[in-house]
C-alpha cells in the first residue's frame, strides 16, 4: 500500500452531525420543537420542488428532474408548529442562540477549532423528507 502525506496535499476533513437538539424553538424561527398534543388540529401544506443554483452556480440534475416532473409533496403539520419561515414566505430569523451554545459546547468537548464566523447552508432534499425552512 502506498504511503500518503495528507499534510502535503492540504487535506482537511469536516464532520457533519445531524441531531435534533432539545431547545425551546426551532433553529431559524420561534416555532416549538416539542411534539404536539395528539388533539392539535392539523394543517396541510403542499410544496413543489423548485431547483435553484448551488453555491457554485450549478443546478443539481436530480432536483431539476424532480421539478420538471412536477413533484408534489404534502406535509401534515400540527397547527402552530410551522410558520412563514418554513413555508419560504419569510426569511429565516436570527440563529437560535440556545442551539448555538449547545453546538459550541459539543465542539469544545471534541477539542475542535471554533471559528468566529458561522455559515449556514440549506440543502435541497428531493425526496421531501424535510421542509425548506
Protein backbone atom coordinates (compact mmCIF):
# COMPACT_ATOMS: atom_id res chain seq x y z
CA UNK A 1 0.00 0.00 0.00
CA UNK A 2 1.32 3.44 -0.94
CA UNK A 3 2.14 5.93 1.85
CA UNK A 4 0.13 9.17 1.52
CA UNK A 5 1.16 12.50 3.04
CA UNK A 6 -2.10 14.25 3.97
CA UNK A 7 -0.38 17.43 5.14
CA UNK A 8 1.46 17.75 1.84
CA UNK A 9 -1.77 17.76 -0.16
CA UNK A 10 -3.52 20.01 2.37
CA UNK A 11 -6.22 17.52 3.25
CA UNK A 12 -8.90 18.98 5.50
CA UNK A 13 -11.71 16.88 6.86
CA UNK A 14 -15.01 18.09 8.30
CA UNK A 15 -17.63 16.34 10.36
CA UNK A 16 -21.34 16.84 9.84
CA UNK A 17 -23.63 15.63 12.62
CA UNK A 18 -27.42 15.57 12.37
CA UNK A 19 -29.02 15.69 15.79
CA UNK A 20 -32.24 17.29 16.98
CA UNK A 21 -31.44 19.46 19.98
CA UNK A 22 -33.78 19.84 22.96
CA UNK A 23 -34.27 23.59 22.53
CA UNK A 24 -37.34 25.73 23.15
CA UNK A 25 -37.76 26.65 19.48
CA UNK A 26 -36.52 25.70 16.02
CA UNK A 27 -33.22 26.87 14.56
CA UNK A 28 -34.46 29.79 12.44
CA UNK A 29 -37.91 30.61 13.80
CA UNK A 30 -39.91 30.64 17.02
CA UNK A 31 -41.96 27.52 16.30
CA UNK A 32 -41.85 24.94 19.12
CA UNK A 33 -39.72 21.81 18.89
CA UNK A 34 -41.84 19.72 21.24
CA UNK A 35 -44.27 17.19 19.85
CA UNK A 36 -47.80 18.50 19.58
CA UNK A 37 -50.72 17.17 21.57
CA UNK A 38 -52.44 14.42 19.53
CA UNK A 39 -55.64 16.50 19.52
CA UNK A 40 -53.96 19.53 17.91
CA UNK A 41 -55.65 20.43 14.60
CA UNK A 42 -53.58 19.52 11.53
CA UNK A 43 -52.91 21.84 8.61
CA UNK A 44 -51.87 20.54 5.22
CA UNK A 45 -49.01 22.17 3.34
CA UNK A 46 -48.46 21.37 -0.32
CA UNK A 47 -44.99 22.04 -1.73
CA UNK A 48 -43.49 21.77 -5.19
CA UNK A 49 -39.75 21.35 -5.59
CA UNK A 50 -38.01 24.31 -7.23
CA UNK A 51 -34.45 23.65 -8.34
CA UNK A 52 -32.11 26.56 -7.65
CA UNK A 53 -28.44 27.19 -8.29
CA UNK A 54 -25.92 25.97 -5.74
CA UNK A 55 -23.11 27.98 -4.18
CA UNK A 56 -21.01 27.24 -7.26
CA UNK A 57 -23.75 28.38 -9.65
CA UNK A 58 -24.95 24.98 -10.84
CA UNK A 59 -28.37 23.34 -10.72
CA UNK A 60 -28.45 19.80 -9.35
CA UNK A 61 -29.63 17.50 -12.18
CA UNK A 62 -31.75 15.34 -9.84
CA UNK A 63 -33.50 18.41 -8.40
CA UNK A 64 -34.11 19.75 -11.92
CA UNK A 65 -35.59 16.41 -12.99
CA UNK A 66 -37.95 16.32 -10.00
CA UNK A 67 -39.02 19.92 -10.61
CA UNK A 68 -39.73 19.24 -14.29
CA UNK A 69 -41.92 16.27 -13.47
CA UNK A 70 -43.95 18.45 -11.09
CA UNK A 71 -43.09 16.59 -7.91
CA UNK A 72 -45.66 17.48 -5.24
CA UNK A 73 -45.04 16.90 -1.55
CA UNK A 74 -47.79 17.10 1.06
CA UNK A 75 -46.87 17.78 4.69
CA UNK A 76 -49.31 17.44 7.58
CA UNK A 77 -48.30 19.83 10.34
CA UNK A 78 -49.81 20.44 13.78
CA UNK A 79 -51.24 23.97 13.89
CA UNK A 80 -48.72 26.34 15.47
CA UNK A 81 -45.71 24.14 14.64
CA UNK A 82 -44.85 25.69 11.27
CA UNK A 83 -44.59 29.30 10.19
CA UNK A 84 -43.81 31.51 7.22
CA UNK A 85 -40.09 30.73 7.54
CA UNK A 86 -40.67 27.03 6.88
CA UNK A 87 -43.00 27.89 4.02
CA UNK A 88 -40.33 30.08 2.37
CA UNK A 89 -42.63 33.08 2.70
CA UNK A 90 -40.36 34.88 5.16
CA UNK A 91 -36.56 34.98 5.54
CA UNK A 92 -35.00 32.89 8.32
CA UNK A 93 -34.88 34.63 11.69
CA UNK A 94 -31.73 35.02 13.76
CA UNK A 95 -29.99 31.75 14.61
CA UNK A 96 -31.34 30.15 17.80
CA UNK A 97 -28.75 31.18 20.43
CA UNK A 98 -29.61 28.21 22.67
CA UNK A 99 -28.79 25.82 19.81
CA UNK A 100 -25.60 27.74 19.08
CA UNK A 101 -24.48 27.44 22.72
CA UNK A 102 -25.11 23.67 22.68
CA UNK A 103 -23.19 23.32 19.42
CA UNK A 104 -20.21 25.30 20.71
CA UNK A 105 -20.16 23.18 23.90
CA UNK A 106 -20.06 19.99 21.82
CA UNK A 107 -17.30 21.42 19.60
CA UNK A 108 -15.25 22.33 22.68
CA UNK A 109 -15.76 18.85 24.14
CA UNK A 110 -14.39 17.41 20.88
CA UNK A 111 -11.41 19.82 21.02
CA UNK A 112 -12.49 21.35 17.72
CA UNK A 113 -11.20 24.64 16.40
CA UNK A 114 -14.04 27.13 16.78
CA UNK A 115 -14.10 29.87 14.16
CA UNK A 116 -15.53 33.34 14.67
CA UNK A 117 -17.91 33.08 11.72
CA UNK A 118 -20.93 30.86 11.11
CA UNK A 119 -22.10 29.91 7.64
CA UNK A 120 -25.40 28.11 7.25
CA UNK A 121 -26.27 26.20 4.10
CA UNK A 122 -29.73 24.95 3.21
CA UNK A 123 -29.80 21.74 1.24
CA UNK A 124 -32.32 20.71 -1.36
CA UNK A 125 -33.72 17.32 -0.40
CA UNK A 126 -35.57 15.91 -3.38
CA UNK A 127 -37.39 13.14 -1.53
CA UNK A 128 -39.43 15.61 0.55
CA UNK A 129 -38.06 14.30 3.85
CA UNK A 130 -37.63 17.83 5.15
CA UNK A 131 -39.13 21.22 4.53
CA UNK A 132 -37.03 24.01 3.11
CA UNK A 133 -37.12 26.14 6.23
